[in-house]
PDB file of N, CA and C in Angstrom:
ATOM      1  N   MET A   1      -9.052  24.455  40.577  1.00  0.00           N
ATOM      2  CA  MET A   1     -10.179  25.372  40.683  1.00  0.00           C
ATOM      3  C   MET A   1     -10.446  26.055  39.350  1.00  0.00           C
ATOM      4  N   LYS A   2      -9.380  26.472  38.657  1.00  0.00           N
ATOM      5  CA  LYS A   2      -9.560  27.143  37.375  1.00  0.00           C
ATOM      6  C   LYS A   2     -10.240  26.223  36.369  1.00  0.00           C
ATOM      7  N   LYS A   3      -9.733  25.008  36.283  1.00  0.00           N
ATOM      8  CA  LYS A   3     -10.268  24.072  35.296  1.00  0.00           C
ATOM      9  C   LYS A   3     -11.718  23.714  35.605  1.00  0.00           C
ATOM     10  N   LEU A   4     -12.037  23.610  36.888  1.00  0.00           N
ATOM     11  CA  LEU A   4     -13.397  23.272  37.289  1.00  0.00           C
ATOM     12  C   LEU A   4     -14.381  24.379  36.910  1.00  0.00           C
ATOM     13  N   THR A   5     -13.993  25.631  37.107  1.00  0.00           N
ATOM     14  CA  THR A   5     -14.891  26.734  36.733  1.00  0.00           C
ATOM     15  C   THR A   5     -15.076  26.794  35.220  1.00  0.00           C
ATOM     16  N   LEU A   6     -14.041  26.465  34.467  1.00  0.00           N
ATOM     17  CA  LEU A   6     -14.175  26.433  33.006  1.00  0.00           C
ATOM     18  C   LEU A   6     -15.133  25.323  32.583  1.00  0.00           C
ATOM     19  N   ILE A   7     -15.002  24.164  33.185  1.00  0.00           N
ATOM     20  CA  ILE A   7     -15.883  23.041  32.851  1.00  0.00           C
ATOM     21  C   ILE A   7     -17.333  23.374  33.199  1.00  0.00           C
ATOM     22  N   PHE A   8     -17.547  23.956  34.382  1.00  0.00           N
ATOM     23  CA  PHE A   8     -18.907  24.353  34.762  1.00  0.00           C
ATOM     24  C   PHE A   8     -19.451  25.431  33.826  1.00  0.00           C
ATOM     25  N   GLY A   9     -18.606  26.368  33.411  1.00  0.00           N
ATOM     26  CA  GLY A   9     -19.040  27.397  32.473  1.00  0.00           C
ATOM     27  C   GLY A   9     -19.509  26.809  31.160  1.00  0.00           C
ATOM     28  N   ILE A  10     -18.766  25.847  30.647  1.00  0.00           N
ATOM     29  CA  ILE A  10     -19.150  25.180  29.393  1.00  0.00           C
ATOM     30  C   ILE A  10     -20.429  24.375  29.591  1.00  0.00           C
ATOM     31  N   PHE A  11     -20.513  23.665  30.711  1.00  0.00           N
ATOM     32  CA  PHE A  11     -21.699  22.861  30.999  1.00  0.00           C
ATOM     33  C   PHE A  11     -22.957  23.718  31.067  1.00  0.00           C
ATOM     34  N   PHE A  12     -22.882  24.839  31.795  1.00  0.00           N
ATOM     35  CA  PHE A  12     -24.057  25.704  31.912  1.00  0.00           C
ATOM     36  C   PHE A  12     -24.373  26.414  30.598  1.00  0.00           C
ATOM     37  N   SER A  13     -23.378  26.661  29.768  1.00  0.00           N
ATOM     38  CA  SER A  13     -23.638  27.239  28.451  1.00  0.00           C
ATOM     39  C   SER A  13     -24.423  26.257  27.579  1.00  0.00           C
ATOM     40  N   ILE A  14     -24.040  24.991  27.644  1.00  0.00           N
ATOM     41  CA  ILE A  14     -24.778  23.970  26.894  1.00  0.00           C
ATOM     42  C   ILE A  14     -26.211  23.865  27.409  1.00  0.00           C
ATOM     43  N   LEU A  15     -26.376  23.902  28.741  1.00  0.00           N
ATOM     44  CA  LEU A  15     -27.732  23.871  29.310  1.00  0.00           C
ATOM     45  C   LEU A  15     -28.554  25.074  28.865  1.00  0.00           C
ATOM     46  N   THR A  16     -27.905  26.208  28.677  1.00  0.00           N
ATOM     47  CA  THR A  16     -28.607  27.401  28.212  1.00  0.00           C
ATOM     48  C   THR A  16     -29.192  27.184  26.822  1.00  0.00           C
ATOM     49  N   PHE A  17     -28.381  26.625  25.929  1.00  0.00           N
ATOM     50  CA  PHE A  17     -28.871  26.380  24.569  1.00  0.00           C
ATOM     51  C   PHE A  17     -29.971  25.317  24.552  1.00  0.00           C
ATOM     52  N   ILE A  18     -29.856  24.320  25.397  1.00  0.00           N
ATOM     53  CA  ILE A  18     -30.911  23.307  25.499  1.00  0.00           C
ATOM     54  C   ILE A  18     -32.195  23.940  26.028  1.00  0.00           C
ATOM     55  N   GLY A  19     -32.062  24.793  27.036  1.00  0.00           N
ATOM     56  CA  GLY A  19     -33.236  25.481  27.584  1.00  0.00           C
ATOM     57  C   GLY A  19     -33.885  26.411  26.575  1.00  0.00           C
ATOM     58  N   ALA A  20     -33.062  27.116  25.807  1.00  0.00           N
ATOM     59  CA  ALA A  20     -33.612  28.010  24.779  1.00  0.00           C
ATOM     60  C   ALA A  20     -34.337  27.209  23.701  1.00  0.00           C
ATOM     61  N   ALA A  21     -33.765  26.082  23.314  1.00  0.00           N
ATOM     62  CA  ALA A  21     -34.429  25.230  22.321  1.00  0.00           C
ATOM     63  C   ALA A  21     -35.755  24.698  22.862  1.00  0.00           C
ATOM     64  N   TYR A  22     -35.775  24.362  24.144  1.00  0.00           N
ATOM     65  CA  TYR A  22     -37.012  23.875  24.759  1.00  0.00           C
ATOM     66  C   TYR A  22     -38.087  24.952  24.762  1.00  0.00           C
ATOM     67  N   VAL A  23     -37.700  26.162  25.076  1.00  0.00           N
ATOM     68  CA  VAL A  23     -38.660  27.275  25.081  1.00  0.00           C
ATOM     69  C   VAL A  23     -39.177  27.529  23.669  1.00  0.00           C
ATOM     70  N   LEU A  24     -38.283  27.516  22.690  1.00  0.00           N
ATOM     71  CA  LEU A  24     -38.718  27.743  21.308  1.00  0.00           C
ATOM     72  C   LEU A  24     -39.577  26.594  20.791  1.00  0.00           C
ATOM     73  N   TYR A  25     -39.236  25.380  21.181  1.00  0.00           N
ATOM     74  CA  TYR A  25     -40.016  24.215  20.757  1.00  0.00           C
ATOM     75  C   TYR A  25     -41.448  24.305  21.271  1.00  0.00           C
ATOM     76  N   ASN A  26     -41.619  24.823  22.474  1.00  0.00           N
ATOM     77  CA  ASN A  26     -42.953  24.974  23.061  1.00  0.00           C
ATOM     78  C   ASN A  26     -43.580  26.319  22.719  1.00  0.00           C
ATOM     79  N   GLU A  27     -43.010  27.017  21.779  1.00  0.00           N
ATOM     80  CA  GLU A  27     -43.531  28.293  21.270  1.00  0.00           C
ATOM     81  C   GLU A  27     -43.738  29.318  22.371  1.00  0.00           C
ATOM     82  N   GLY A  28     -42.828  29.340  23.335  1.00  0.00           N
ATOM     83  CA  GLY A  28     -42.884  30.327  24.399  1.00  0.00           C
ATOM     84  C   GLY A  28     -43.903  30.038  25.474  1.00  0.00           C
ATOM     85  N   GLY A  29     -44.472  28.864  25.447  1.00  0.00           N
ATOM     86  CA  GLY A  29     -45.491  28.512  26.423  1.00  0.00           C
ATOM     87  C   GLY A  29     -44.927  28.140  27.786  1.00  0.00           C
ATOM     88  N   VAL A  30     -43.632  27.933  27.854  1.00  0.00           N
ATOM     89  CA  VAL A  30     -42.990  27.604  29.136  1.00  0.00           C
ATOM     90  C   VAL A  30     -42.130  28.793  29.550  1.00  0.00           C
ATOM     91  N   SER A  31     -41.696  28.756  30.775  1.00  0.00           N
ATOM     92  CA  SER A  31     -40.934  29.871  31.331  1.00  0.00           C
ATOM     93  C   SER A  31     -39.575  30.026  30.638  1.00  0.00           C
ATOM     94  N   ALA A  32     -39.197  31.261  30.396  1.00  0.00           N
ATOM     95  CA  ALA A  32     -37.886  31.540  29.812  1.00  0.00           C
ATOM     96  C   ALA A  32     -36.769  31.273  30.807  1.00  0.00           C
ATOM     97  N   GLY A  33     -37.114  31.021  32.048  1.00  0.00           N
ATOM     98  CA  GLY A  33     -36.133  30.697  33.071  1.00  0.00           C
ATOM     99  C   GLY A  33     -35.336  29.445  32.751  1.00  0.00           C
ATOM    100  N   TYR A  34     -35.899  28.575  31.902  1.00  0.00           N
ATOM    101  CA  TYR A  34     -35.160  27.382  31.498  1.00  0.00           C
ATOM    102  C   TYR A  34     -33.877  27.759  30.759  1.00  0.00           C
ATOM    103  N   ALA A  35     -33.826  28.918  30.161  1.00  0.00           N
ATOM    104  CA  ALA A  35     -32.626  29.370  29.453  1.00  0.00           C
ATOM    105  C   ALA A  35     -31.861  30.421  30.251  1.00  0.00           C
ATOM    106  N   VAL A  36     -32.570  31.242  30.987  1.00  0.00           N
ATOM    107  CA  VAL A  36     -31.933  32.374  31.663  1.00  0.00           C
ATOM    108  C   VAL A  36     -31.136  31.942  32.892  1.00  0.00           C
ATOM    109  N   VAL A  37     -31.678  31.046  33.687  1.00  0.00           N
ATOM    110  CA  VAL A  37     -30.998  30.638  34.922  1.00  0.00           C
ATOM    111  C   VAL A  37     -29.652  29.970  34.643  1.00  0.00           C
ATOM    112  N   PRO A  38     -29.577  29.009  33.708  1.00  0.00           N
ATOM    113  CA  PRO A  38     -28.252  28.439  33.430  1.00  0.00           C
ATOM    114  C   PRO A  38     -27.269  29.462  32.862  1.00  0.00           C
ATOM    115  N   MET A  39     -27.783  30.456  32.121  1.00  0.00           N
ATOM    116  CA  MET A  39     -26.883  31.474  31.563  1.00  0.00           C
ATOM    117  C   MET A  39     -26.283  32.331  32.670  1.00  0.00           C
ATOM    118  N   MET A  40     -27.041  32.602  33.721  1.00  0.00           N
ATOM    119  CA  MET A  40     -26.480  33.358  34.846  1.00  0.00           C
ATOM    120  C   MET A  40     -25.333  32.579  35.500  1.00  0.00           C
ATOM    121  N   PHE A  41     -25.529  31.287  35.674  1.00  0.00           N
ATOM    122  CA  PHE A  41     -24.454  30.467  36.239  1.00  0.00           C
ATOM    123  C   PHE A  41     -23.268  30.386  35.287  1.00  0.00           C
ATOM    124  N   ALA A  42     -23.535  30.303  33.996  1.00  0.00           N
ATOM    125  CA  ALA A  42     -22.446  30.254  33.009  1.00  0.00           C
ATOM    126  C   ALA A  42     -21.634  31.546  33.037  1.00  0.00           C
ATOM    127  N   LEU A  43     -22.312  32.673  33.123  1.00  0.00           N
ATOM    128  CA  LEU A  43     -21.612  33.955  33.177  1.00  0.00           C
ATOM    129  C   LEU A  43     -20.787  34.080  34.453  1.00  0.00           C
ATOM    130  N   ALA A  44     -21.341  33.613  35.566  1.00  0.00           N
ATOM    131  CA  ALA A  44     -20.610  33.679  36.828  1.00  0.00           C
ATOM    132  C   ALA A  44     -19.368  32.786  36.788  1.00  0.00           C
ATOM    133  N   CYS A  45     -19.517  31.587  36.270  1.00  0.00           N
ATOM    134  CA  CYS A  45     -18.368  30.667  36.187  1.00  0.00           C
ATOM    135  C   CYS A  45     -17.312  31.195  35.229  1.00  0.00           C
ATOM    136  N   THR A  46     -17.730  31.751  34.115  1.00  0.00           N
ATOM    137  CA  THR A  46     -16.787  32.288  33.149  1.00  0.00           C
ATOM    138  C   THR A  46     -16.044  33.495  33.714  1.00  0.00           C
ATOM    139  N   ALA A  47     -16.760  34.354  34.426  1.00  0.00           N
ATOM    140  CA  ALA A  47     -16.110  35.516  35.034  1.00  0.00           C
ATOM    141  C   ALA A  47     -15.113  35.086  36.102  1.00  0.00           C
ATOM    142  N   LEU A  48     -15.476  34.084  36.886  1.00  0.00           N
ATOM    143  CA  LEU A  48     -14.559  33.571  37.904  1.00  0.00           C
ATOM    144  C   LEU A  48     -13.328  32.946  37.261  1.00  0.00           C
ATOM    145  N   TYR A  49     -13.532  32.219  36.165  1.00  0.00           N
ATOM    146  CA  TYR A  49     -12.407  31.617  35.447  1.00  0.00           C
ATOM    147  C   TYR A  49     -11.460  32.689  34.924  1.00  0.00           C
ATOM    148  N   ARG A  50     -12.022  33.728  34.334  1.00  0.00           N
ATOM    149  CA  ARG A  50     -11.169  34.801  33.791  1.00  0.00           C
ATOM    150  C   ARG A  50     -10.420  35.528  34.891  1.00  0.00           C
ATOM    151  N   GLN A  51     -11.070  35.714  36.040  1.00  0.00           N
ATOM    152  CA  GLN A  51     -10.422  36.378  37.168  1.00  0.00           C
ATOM    153  C   GLN A  51      -9.273  35.519  37.693  1.00  0.00           C
ATOM    154  N   ARG A  52      -9.487  34.227  37.804  1.00  0.00           N
ATOM    155  CA  ARG A  52      -8.437  33.325  38.309  1.00  0.00           C
ATOM    156  C   ARG A  52      -7.291  33.195  37.303  1.00  0.00           C
ATOM    157  N   ARG A  53      -7.614  33.282  36.023  1.00  0.00           N
ATOM    158  CA  ARG A  53      -6.596  33.153  34.982  1.00  0.00           C
ATOM    159  C   ARG A  53      -5.603  34.296  35.022  1.00  0.00           C
ATOM    160  N   GLU A  54      -6.079  35.482  35.393  1.00  0.00           N
ATOM    161  CA  GLU A  54      -5.219  36.676  35.409  1.00  0.00           C
ATOM    162  C   GLU A  54      -4.287  36.689  36.613  1.00  0.00           C
ATOM    163  N   LEU A  55      -4.605  35.936  37.653  1.00  0.00           N
ATOM    164  CA  LEU A  55      -3.775  35.942  38.856  1.00  0.00           C
ATOM    165  C   LEU A  55      -2.516  35.146  38.671  1.00  0.00           C
TER     166      LEU A  55
END
């Protein structure tokens, strides 16, 4: 479970940067949700990983 949350955290972080690049490439003409939504999942997975690591 710990390793899976870390992998998902990294995956969603990469998706965040791809989404941000897409938004910048389109000069803000597309929704910023392409970057924000994956970052929320990345933060949740990272927080869960850190919580499990301390146990």
